[in-house]
Amino acid sequence: MAFEDMIMLLTQKRYVELKERLSELQIPDIAEFLDELDSKNAIIAFRLLPKEIAADVFSYLSTERQGEISMLIDEKELIDIMNDLFFDDKIDFLEEMPANVVKRILRNVSEAERRLINHFLQYPDNSAGSLMTIEFVDLKKEMTVKDALGKIRRVGRDREIVYTCYVTDARRKLEGIVSLKDLVLASPDAKVEDIMRKEVIYVDTYDHREDVADIFKKYDFLAVPVVDQEKRLVGIITIDDIVDVIEKENTEDFQRIAAIQPSEIDYLESTPLMLARKRIVWLLILMISATVSGYIIRRYQVAIEAVVALTAFIPMLMDTGGNAGSQSSVTVIRSLALGQLKFSDILKVIRKELQISVLVGFGLTVVNFIRIYFLEGYDLSIALTISLTLFLTIIFAKLIGGTLPMLAKKVGLDPAIMASPLITTIVDAVSLIVYFSLAVRILHIAV
């Protein structure tokens, strides 16, 4: 979204006009505008916002901009913003802030809220507990529908969601859920117990965030309850938080597929040194593992010297094998991430990838043979050696690309680790062994 005219109003100090323009924007767009400004102008623009939307805009800002604003505004303004944030947004903010900002906030909240915040901050970063909010509507099964709707009207303004209510007993154990729609349509004198749904899908506070995301995707939930080990309701996770989780997990998968250590820092916010550190480890591992290919070439150096033409086709064979393996691995990794595949499906995957590899390999082999033998005029034995190597390489690449991610998942590793770079390195070594082994036999080369 272009903000040039608003930036011009800011630089010209036409604050009244700028305030009017800001009031016309959606909250996420205002946050995007503030993120584009330098620190000084961002503070000026932020203070032009009406108090009733300032906290909402703050929750959409980047972590870096939130930290800058927190340090530059006075303590009263900061506390007002914190008081207006939903609890889960407040926790997300505090998790990213330096200790001095957290201390500024904690010394200005009640003892009860301080204990609660500290409790939430102790959950592991990737757990359901770190995502949940305590701002939900809880009901008792003995309530009438009339009483339940009355409670929703009283407390609903301070709750993140009201469209689903959670029924608990005197010890806060989760007994059921009831939708606002069911309450509105039910008789005022009916009991909550009579219309609530008792079969509740919930998550534990220490469940991994990926498992929680899978539940949201499977059941199309807008919110899911979170319970502790005694099945007491301690919070809920809403869809807006899960969308962020899915985005982070997808980003991490893309980074691992490209052999980069995951990082949550934006590309433009990262220094060259930080990015280099994330990339060099896997590049070093892959570089060292690639020496296997060099060893194989040296092992068959006599064959290469006897038929120099063999060297011209090494890049084509290795690249095609790597690409074929990458296609299979990316497809399987994505299916695993979506829950479409389990380890028990590995035989089905092998069968399907074998069928695919035969079809693809046959087509590429025919084209390759025609090119080498008829168009480029190489001997029949050389054309057969290269074409047969290509066919076998594609079959192996497809099989290894389809099965390695599933094996990684089975032993508790991220399947994305077994992606393009690593599979390419393995396939390169195998394709060279197959290539030179066939060359020795078909071309009758002594090694």
Protein backbone atom coordinates (compact mmCIF):
# COMPACT_ATOMS: atom_id res chain seq x y z
CA MET A 1 0.00 0.00 0.00
CA ALA A 2 1.39 3.41 -0.99
CA PHE A 3 1.69 6.00 1.79
CA GLU A 4 3.59 8.77 -0.04
CA ASP A 5 0.86 11.41 0.45
CA MET A 6 0.58 10.63 4.18
CA ILE A 7 4.35 10.77 4.60
CA MET A 8 4.27 14.18 2.88
CA LEU A 9 1.64 15.39 5.39
CA LEU A 10 3.86 14.18 8.22
CA THR A 11 7.01 15.88 6.93
CA GLN A 12 5.07 19.10 6.36
CA LYS A 13 3.67 18.87 9.92
CA ARG A 14 0.08 18.94 8.70
CA TYR A 15 -0.97 16.79 11.63
CA VAL A 16 -4.71 17.54 11.55
CA GLU A 17 -4.98 16.32 7.97
CA LEU A 18 -2.80 13.32 8.76
CA LYS A 19 -5.01 12.40 11.73
CA GLU A 20 -8.06 12.46 9.46
CA ARG A 21 -6.33 10.24 6.90
CA LEU A 22 -5.28 7.78 9.59
CA SER A 23 -8.87 7.54 10.84
CA GLU A 24 -9.93 6.39 7.36
CA LEU A 25 -7.53 3.42 7.33
CA GLN A 26 -7.99 -0.10 8.65
CA ILE A 27 -5.94 -0.94 11.75
CA PRO A 28 -3.49 -3.30 9.96
CA ASP A 29 -2.88 -0.58 7.32
CA ILE A 30 -2.11 2.00 10.01
CA ALA A 31 0.42 -0.41 11.54
CA GLU A 32 1.99 -0.94 8.10
CA PHE A 33 2.30 2.84 7.70
CA LEU A 34 3.98 3.23 11.10
CA ASP A 35 6.40 0.40 10.35
CA GLU A 36 7.60 2.26 7.24
CA LEU A 37 8.52 5.42 9.18
CA ASP A 38 11.68 6.18 11.12
CA SER A 39 11.48 6.06 14.92
CA LYS A 40 10.86 9.78 15.45
CA ASN A 41 8.06 10.11 12.90
CA ALA A 42 6.52 6.79 13.99
CA ILE A 43 6.12 8.15 17.53
CA ILE A 44 4.56 11.37 16.23
CA ALA A 45 2.09 9.47 14.04
CA PHE A 46 1.31 6.98 16.81
CA ARG A 47 0.39 9.78 19.21
CA LEU A 48 -2.07 11.13 16.65
CA LEU A 49 -4.12 7.95 16.93
CA PRO A 50 -7.32 7.98 19.00
CA LYS A 51 -6.86 6.23 22.32
CA GLU A 52 -9.51 3.64 21.50
CA ILE A 53 -7.54 2.22 18.54
CA ALA A 54 -3.95 2.86 19.65
CA ALA A 55 -3.65 -0.49 21.44
CA ASP A 56 -5.10 -2.39 18.49
CA VAL A 57 -2.61 -0.72 16.13
CA PHE A 58 0.22 -1.45 18.58
CA SER A 59 -0.58 -5.19 18.51
CA TYR A 60 -0.10 -5.23 14.71
CA LEU A 61 3.27 -3.45 14.71
CA SER A 62 6.53 -5.28 14.12
CA THR A 63 8.43 -6.35 17.21
CA GLU A 64 11.19 -3.81 16.50
CA ARG A 65 8.72 -0.92 16.21
CA GLN A 66 6.88 -2.00 19.35
CA GLY A 67 10.18 -1.93 21.25
CA GLU A 68 11.06 1.54 19.94
CA ILE A 69 7.68 2.99 20.87
CA SER A 70 7.82 1.34 24.30
CA MET A 71 11.16 3.01 25.02
CA LEU A 72 10.19 6.47 23.74
CA ILE A 73 6.70 7.03 25.15
CA ASP A 74 6.19 7.83 28.80
CA GLU A 75 5.27 5.17 31.35
CA LYS A 76 1.61 6.21 31.65
CA GLU A 77 1.08 5.90 27.89
CA LEU A 78 2.75 2.49 27.90
CA ILE A 79 0.59 1.19 30.72
CA ASP A 80 -2.57 2.52 29.02
CA ILE A 81 -1.63 0.57 25.89
CA MET A 82 -0.91 -2.59 27.89
CA ASN A 83 -4.24 -2.33 29.69
CA ASP A 84 -6.09 -2.15 26.37
CA LEU A 85 -4.29 -5.10 24.78
CA PHE A 86 -5.86 -8.54 24.83
CA PHE A 87 -3.96 -10.78 27.21
CA ASP A 88 -2.40 -13.04 24.56
CA ASP A 89 -1.16 -9.98 22.61
CA LYS A 90 0.31 -8.64 25.85
CA ILE A 91 2.18 -11.90 26.46
CA ASP A 92 3.44 -12.01 22.86
CA PHE A 93 4.74 -8.47 23.27
CA LEU A 94 6.48 -9.13 26.59
CA GLU A 95 8.15 -12.30 25.25
CA GLU A 96 9.95 -10.24 22.60
CA MET A 97 10.89 -7.21 24.68
CA PRO A 98 14.17 -6.61 26.54
CA ALA A 99 14.20 -6.94 30.33
CA ASN A 100 14.08 -3.18 31.00
CA VAL A 101 10.80 -2.79 29.07
CA VAL A 102 9.26 -5.80 30.81
CA LYS A 103 10.24 -4.34 34.21
CA ARG A 104 8.60 -1.00 33.32
CA ILE A 105 5.34 -2.82 32.68
CA LEU A 106 5.38 -5.34 35.52
CA ARG A 107 6.01 -2.73 38.20
CA ASN A 108 2.79 -0.96 37.18
CA VAL A 109 0.39 -3.92 37.19
CA SER A 110 -1.38 -5.57 40.09
CA GLU A 111 0.26 -8.38 42.00
CA ALA A 112 -2.29 -10.87 40.68
CA GLU A 113 -1.69 -9.88 37.06
CA ARG A 114 2.09 -9.90 37.60
CA ARG A 115 1.92 -13.49 38.85
CA LEU A 116 -0.30 -14.45 35.92
CA ILE A 117 2.03 -12.84 33.36
CA ASN A 118 5.08 -14.51 34.88
CA HIS A 119 3.24 -17.84 34.79
CA PHE A 120 2.49 -17.45 31.08
CA LEU A 121 6.03 -16.36 30.27
CA GLN A 122 7.34 -19.64 31.67
CA TYR A 123 5.63 -21.79 29.03
CA PRO A 124 7.94 -23.06 26.26
CA ASP A 125 7.92 -20.85 23.17
CA ASN A 126 6.45 -23.53 20.93
CA SER A 127 3.76 -24.71 23.34
CA ALA A 128 0.01 -24.16 23.36
CA GLY A 129 0.39 -22.39 26.71
CA SER A 130 2.47 -19.63 25.13
CA LEU A 131 -0.26 -18.98 22.54
CA MET A 132 -3.38 -19.01 24.67
CA THR A 133 -5.40 -16.14 26.10
CA ILE A 134 -7.43 -16.11 29.31
CA GLU A 135 -10.07 -13.80 27.87
CA PHE A 136 -12.94 -16.20 27.28
CA VAL A 137 -16.50 -16.60 28.57
CA ASP A 138 -17.01 -19.44 31.02
CA LEU A 139 -20.45 -20.65 32.08
CA LYS A 140 -21.88 -23.14 34.56
CA LYS A 141 -24.12 -25.95 33.38
CA GLU A 142 -26.75 -25.09 36.02
CA MET A 143 -27.26 -21.64 34.46
CA THR A 144 -30.37 -20.87 32.47
CA VAL A 145 -29.94 -19.54 28.96
CA LYS A 146 -31.24 -16.18 30.17
CA ASP A 147 -28.57 -15.99 32.88
CA ALA A 148 -25.88 -17.11 30.44
CA LEU A 149 -26.77 -14.37 27.93
CA GLY A 150 -26.79 -11.88 30.79
CA LYS A 151 -23.25 -12.85 31.75
CA ILE A 152 -22.09 -12.57 28.14
CA ARG A 153 -23.49 -9.03 27.99
CA ARG A 154 -21.69 -8.11 31.23
CA VAL A 155 -18.25 -9.52 30.48
CA GLY A 156 -18.25 -9.88 26.70
CA ARG A 157 -16.73 -6.47 25.99
CA ASP A 158 -13.50 -7.52 27.72
CA ARG A 159 -13.32 -10.97 26.13
CA GLU A 160 -11.50 -11.77 22.90
CA ILE A 161 -14.31 -14.02 21.68
CA VAL A 162 -17.94 -14.53 22.72
CA TYR A 163 -19.20 -16.75 19.89
CA THR A 164 -18.12 -19.87 21.79
CA CYS A 165 -18.56 -20.24 25.54
CA TYR A 166 -16.97 -22.88 27.76
CA VAL A 167 -18.82 -24.77 30.48
CA THR A 168 -16.82 -25.60 33.62
CA ASP A 169 -17.58 -27.07 37.02
CA ALA A 170 -16.71 -25.61 40.42
CA ARG A 171 -13.09 -26.80 40.05
CA ARG A 172 -12.78 -25.23 36.57
CA LYS A 173 -12.77 -28.61 34.84
CA LEU A 174 -13.97 -28.40 31.26
CA GLU A 175 -17.36 -30.07 30.86
CA GLY A 176 -18.62 -28.81 27.53
CA ILE A 177 -18.97 -25.94 25.06
CA VAL A 178 -21.94 -24.00 23.79
CA SER A 179 -22.12 -21.56 20.90
CA LEU A 180 -23.66 -18.12 21.12
CA LYS A 181 -25.96 -19.14 18.26
CA ASP A 182 -27.34 -22.05 20.32
CA LEU A 183 -27.88 -19.77 23.31
CA VAL A 184 -29.70 -17.14 21.27
CA LEU A 185 -31.98 -19.71 19.64
CA ALA A 186 -32.74 -21.66 22.83
CA SER A 187 -35.59 -21.01 25.23
CA PRO A 188 -34.62 -18.49 27.97
CA ASP A 189 -35.59 -21.00 30.64
CA ALA A 190 -33.54 -23.88 29.20
CA LYS A 191 -30.48 -25.05 31.08
CA VAL A 192 -27.00 -24.64 29.59
CA GLU A 193 -26.47 -28.33 30.37
CA ASP A 194 -29.28 -29.25 27.97
CA ILE A 195 -27.82 -27.47 24.94
CA MET A 196 -24.08 -27.73 25.50
CA ARG A 197 -21.91 -30.17 23.55
CA LYS A 198 -20.10 -32.54 25.90
CA GLU A 199 -17.67 -34.06 23.38
CA VAL A 200 -15.03 -31.33 23.41
CA ILE A 201 -11.79 -31.32 21.45
CA TYR A 202 -9.10 -29.57 23.45
CA VAL A 203 -5.31 -29.23 23.69
CA ASP A 204 -2.89 -29.42 26.58
CA THR A 205 -0.80 -26.45 27.68
CA TYR A 206 2.41 -28.24 26.65
CA ASP A 207 1.21 -29.51 23.27
CA HIS A 208 3.42 -28.32 20.40
CA ARG A 209 2.08 -25.39 18.38
CA GLU A 210 2.26 -27.45 15.16
CA ASP A 211 -0.08 -30.04 16.70
CA VAL A 212 -2.48 -27.26 17.68
CA ALA A 213 -2.36 -25.86 14.13
CA ASP A 214 -3.19 -29.34 12.77
CA ILE A 215 -6.29 -29.46 14.98
CA PHE A 216 -7.45 -26.07 13.70
CA LYS A 217 -6.96 -27.17 10.09
CA LYS A 218 -8.66 -30.53 10.59
CA TYR A 219 -11.78 -29.26 12.36
CA ASP A 220 -12.00 -25.69 10.94
CA PHE A 221 -12.09 -24.24 14.46
CA LEU A 222 -12.16 -20.54 15.27
CA ALA A 223 -10.97 -21.27 18.81
CA VAL A 224 -9.90 -24.29 20.84
CA PRO A 225 -9.80 -24.67 24.65
CA VAL A 226 -6.53 -25.29 26.49
CA VAL A 227 -6.46 -27.43 29.63
CA ASP A 228 -3.82 -28.36 32.17
CA GLN A 229 -2.93 -31.88 33.29
CA GLU A 230 -6.01 -32.02 35.54
CA LYS A 231 -8.21 -31.03 32.58
CA ARG A 232 -8.90 -27.64 34.13
CA LEU A 233 -9.65 -24.92 31.59
CA VAL A 234 -6.81 -22.40 31.67
CA GLY A 235 -7.24 -20.58 28.37
CA ILE A 236 -8.20 -20.68 24.71
CA ILE A 237 -6.28 -20.31 21.46
CA THR A 238 -7.93 -18.28 18.70
CA ILE A 239 -7.58 -18.56 14.94
CA ASP A 240 -5.64 -15.30 14.55
CA ASP A 241 -2.80 -16.72 16.66
CA ILE A 242 -2.78 -19.99 14.73
CA VAL A 243 -2.53 -18.16 11.40
CA ASP A 244 0.70 -16.61 12.73
CA VAL A 245 1.94 -20.06 13.79
CA ILE A 246 1.22 -21.57 10.36
CA GLU A 247 3.06 -18.68 8.70
CA LYS A 248 6.09 -19.17 10.95
CA GLU A 249 6.14 -22.94 10.45
CA ASN A 250 5.88 -22.57 6.67
CA THR A 251 8.71 -20.03 6.70
CA GLU A 252 10.89 -22.39 8.74
CA ASP A 253 10.15 -25.24 6.32
CA PHE A 254 11.12 -23.11 3.33
CA GLN A 255 14.35 -22.13 5.08
CA ARG A 256 15.23 -25.72 5.93
CA ILE A 257 14.41 -26.86 2.39
CA ALA A 258 16.96 -24.31 1.18
CA ALA A 259 19.51 -25.55 3.76
CA ILE A 260 19.25 -22.43 5.94
CA GLN A 261 18.92 -22.47 9.71
CA PRO A 262 15.49 -20.98 10.60
CA SER A 263 15.33 -17.39 11.79
CA GLU A 264 12.33 -15.32 12.90
CA ILE A 265 14.03 -12.01 12.07
CA ASP A 266 12.86 -10.34 8.85
CA TYR A 267 15.30 -10.43 5.95
CA LEU A 268 15.81 -6.65 5.79
CA GLU A 269 16.19 -6.46 9.57
CA SER A 270 18.94 -9.11 9.59
CA THR A 271 22.60 -8.14 9.28
CA PRO A 272 24.81 -9.83 6.68
CA LEU A 273 26.71 -11.52 9.52
CA MET A 274 23.50 -12.98 10.98
CA LEU A 275 22.40 -14.33 7.59
CA ALA A 276 25.85 -15.73 6.87
CA ARG A 277 25.86 -17.62 10.17
CA LYS A 278 22.47 -19.14 9.34
CA ARG A 279 23.63 -20.32 5.92
CA ILE A 280 27.24 -21.38 6.34
CA VAL A 281 26.65 -24.44 8.54
CA TRP A 282 24.62 -26.41 6.02
CA LEU A 283 26.75 -25.18 3.13
CA LEU A 284 29.80 -26.51 4.96
CA ILE A 285 28.13 -29.86 5.60
CA LEU A 286 27.00 -30.17 1.98
CA MET A 287 30.38 -29.08 0.67
CA ILE A 288 32.15 -31.74 2.71
CA SER A 289 29.61 -34.40 1.74
CA ALA A 290 30.05 -33.44 -1.92
CA THR A 291 33.68 -34.62 -1.70
CA VAL A 292 32.21 -38.12 -2.02
CA SER A 293 31.37 -37.27 -5.62
CA GLY A 294 34.94 -36.14 -6.18
CA TYR A 295 36.24 -39.39 -4.75
CA ILE A 296 34.02 -41.40 -7.10
CA ILE A 297 35.25 -39.41 -10.11
CA ARG A 298 38.88 -40.04 -9.08
CA ARG A 299 38.10 -43.72 -8.57
CA TYR A 300 36.96 -43.99 -12.20
CA GLN A 301 39.54 -41.61 -13.63
CA VAL A 302 40.83 -44.34 -15.95
CA ALA A 303 37.39 -44.70 -17.49
CA ILE A 304 37.15 -40.94 -18.00
CA GLU A 305 40.56 -40.82 -19.65
CA ALA A 306 39.65 -43.76 -21.88
CA VAL A 307 36.36 -42.16 -23.01
CA VAL A 308 36.67 -38.41 -22.49
CA ALA A 309 33.14 -37.90 -23.83
CA LEU A 310 31.76 -39.29 -20.56
CA THR A 311 32.70 -36.11 -18.69
CA ALA A 312 30.46 -33.92 -20.86
CA PHE A 313 27.32 -35.61 -19.53
CA ILE A 314 28.12 -35.67 -15.81
CA PRO A 315 26.46 -32.28 -15.06
CA MET A 316 23.30 -33.26 -16.93
CA LEU A 317 22.96 -36.56 -15.07
CA MET A 318 23.60 -35.03 -11.65
CA ASP A 319 21.30 -32.04 -12.20
CA THR A 320 18.44 -34.17 -13.55
CA GLY A 321 18.73 -36.60 -10.66
CA GLY A 322 18.81 -33.81 -8.10
CA ASN A 323 15.80 -32.10 -9.65
CA ALA A 324 13.83 -35.34 -9.78
CA GLY A 325 14.57 -36.04 -6.11
CA SER A 326 13.63 -32.49 -5.11
CA GLN A 327 10.25 -32.79 -6.83
CA SER A 328 9.38 -35.89 -4.82
CA SER A 329 10.75 -34.60 -1.51
CA VAL A 330 8.92 -31.28 -1.67
CA THR A 331 5.63 -33.02 -2.56
CA VAL A 332 5.97 -35.51 0.31
CA ILE A 333 7.13 -32.87 2.82
CA ARG A 334 4.09 -30.72 2.03
CA SER A 335 1.75 -33.72 2.34
CA LEU A 336 3.29 -34.57 5.72
CA ALA A 337 2.84 -30.98 6.89
CA LEU A 338 -0.83 -31.05 5.88
CA GLY A 339 -1.40 -34.38 7.61
CA GLN A 340 -2.18 -36.14 4.32
CA LEU A 341 0.59 -38.73 4.81
CA LYS A 342 1.69 -40.89 7.74
CA PHE A 343 4.65 -43.24 8.08
CA SER A 344 2.30 -46.18 7.60
CA ASP A 345 1.77 -44.90 4.04
CA ILE A 346 5.44 -45.37 3.10
CA LEU A 347 4.80 -48.44 0.94
CA LYS A 348 2.09 -46.54 -0.95
CA VAL A 349 4.54 -43.68 -1.48
CA ILE A 350 7.23 -46.07 -2.73
CA ARG A 351 4.80 -47.68 -5.17
CA LYS A 352 3.55 -44.35 -6.47
CA GLU A 353 7.00 -42.78 -6.81
CA LEU A 354 8.21 -45.93 -8.60
CA GLN A 355 5.39 -45.60 -11.11
CA ILE A 356 6.06 -41.89 -11.57
CA SER A 357 9.80 -42.45 -11.99
CA VAL A 358 9.30 -45.10 -14.65
CA LEU A 359 7.00 -42.84 -16.67
CA VAL A 360 9.18 -39.74 -16.26
CA GLY A 361 12.42 -41.69 -16.69
CA PHE A 362 11.24 -43.38 -19.87
CA GLY A 363 10.22 -40.07 -21.45
CA LEU A 364 13.47 -38.32 -20.57
CA THR A 365 15.54 -41.32 -21.59
CA VAL A 366 13.99 -41.49 -25.06
CA VAL A 367 14.55 -37.77 -25.65
CA ASN A 368 18.11 -38.05 -24.32
CA PHE A 369 18.97 -41.05 -26.50
CA ILE A 370 17.65 -39.33 -29.65
CA ARG A 371 19.68 -36.20 -28.84
CA ILE A 372 22.97 -38.03 -28.11
CA TYR A 373 22.87 -40.71 -30.79
CA PHE A 374 21.04 -39.12 -33.72
CA LEU A 375 21.66 -35.38 -33.26
CA GLU A 376 25.11 -35.29 -31.68
CA GLY A 377 26.45 -38.42 -33.36
CA TYR A 378 27.96 -40.28 -30.41
CA ASP A 379 28.54 -44.04 -30.55
CA LEU A 380 25.62 -46.29 -29.73
CA SER A 381 27.40 -47.70 -26.66
CA ILE A 382 27.94 -44.21 -25.21
CA ALA A 383 24.34 -43.20 -25.93
CA LEU A 384 23.08 -46.37 -24.24
CA THR A 385 25.35 -45.86 -21.22
CA ILE A 386 24.18 -42.29 -20.65
CA SER A 387 20.50 -43.02 -21.32
CA LEU A 388 20.38 -46.08 -19.07
CA THR A 389 22.18 -44.15 -16.32
CA LEU A 390 19.62 -41.36 -16.62
CA PHE A 391 16.72 -43.83 -16.33
CA LEU A 392 18.13 -45.55 -13.24
CA THR A 393 19.13 -42.24 -11.62
CA ILE A 394 15.62 -40.85 -11.94
CA ILE A 395 14.13 -43.98 -10.39
CA PHE A 396 16.53 -43.85 -7.45
CA ALA A 397 16.11 -40.08 -7.00
CA LYS A 398 12.32 -40.31 -6.91
CA LEU A 399 12.39 -43.15 -4.40
CA ILE A 400 14.92 -41.51 -2.09
CA GLY A 401 13.16 -38.14 -2.37
CA GLY A 402 9.83 -39.70 -1.43
CA THR A 403 11.00 -41.89 1.45
CA LEU A 404 13.71 -39.90 3.25
CA PRO A 405 11.33 -37.19 4.58
CA MET A 406 9.01 -39.90 5.92
CA LEU A 407 11.89 -41.67 7.66
CA ALA A 408 12.98 -38.34 9.15
CA LYS A 409 9.48 -37.76 10.49
CA LYS A 410 9.45 -41.25 11.99
CA VAL A 411 12.65 -40.70 13.99
CA GLY A 412 11.54 -37.26 15.20
CA LEU A 413 13.44 -35.03 12.76
CA ASP A 414 11.94 -32.22 10.72
CA PRO A 415 11.17 -33.70 7.26
CA ALA A 416 12.25 -30.40 5.67
CA ILE A 417 15.83 -31.25 6.64
CA MET A 418 15.68 -34.09 4.09
CA ALA A 419 14.98 -31.67 1.28
CA SER A 420 16.61 -30.50 -1.91
CA PRO A 421 20.28 -29.92 -0.92
CA LEU A 422 20.77 -33.12 1.08
CA ILE A 423 18.88 -35.33 -1.34
CA THR A 424 20.74 -33.78 -4.26
CA THR A 425 24.08 -34.63 -2.62
CA ILE A 426 23.01 -38.27 -2.09
CA VAL A 427 21.63 -38.62 -5.61
CA ASP A 428 24.78 -37.08 -7.12
CA ALA A 429 26.95 -39.75 -5.53
CA VAL A 430 24.66 -42.59 -6.57
CA SER A 431 24.29 -41.32 -10.15
CA LEU A 432 28.08 -41.22 -10.56
CA ILE A 433 28.48 -44.76 -9.23
CA VAL A 434 25.78 -46.03 -11.59
CA TYR A 435 27.23 -44.03 -14.50
CA PHE A 436 30.77 -45.26 -14.25
CA SER A 437 29.77 -48.83 -13.33
CA LEU A 438 27.68 -49.05 -16.50
CA ALA A 439 30.40 -47.37 -18.56
CA VAL A 440 32.97 -49.94 -17.42
CA ARG A 441 30.69 -52.83 -18.40
CA ILE A 442 29.11 -51.48 -21.59
CA LEU A 443 32.26 -49.85 -22.98
CA HIS A 444 34.55 -52.65 -21.70
CA ILE A 445 36.95 -50.27 -19.94
CA ALA A 446 39.56 -51.76 -17.62
CA VAL A 447 39.89 -49.91 -14.29
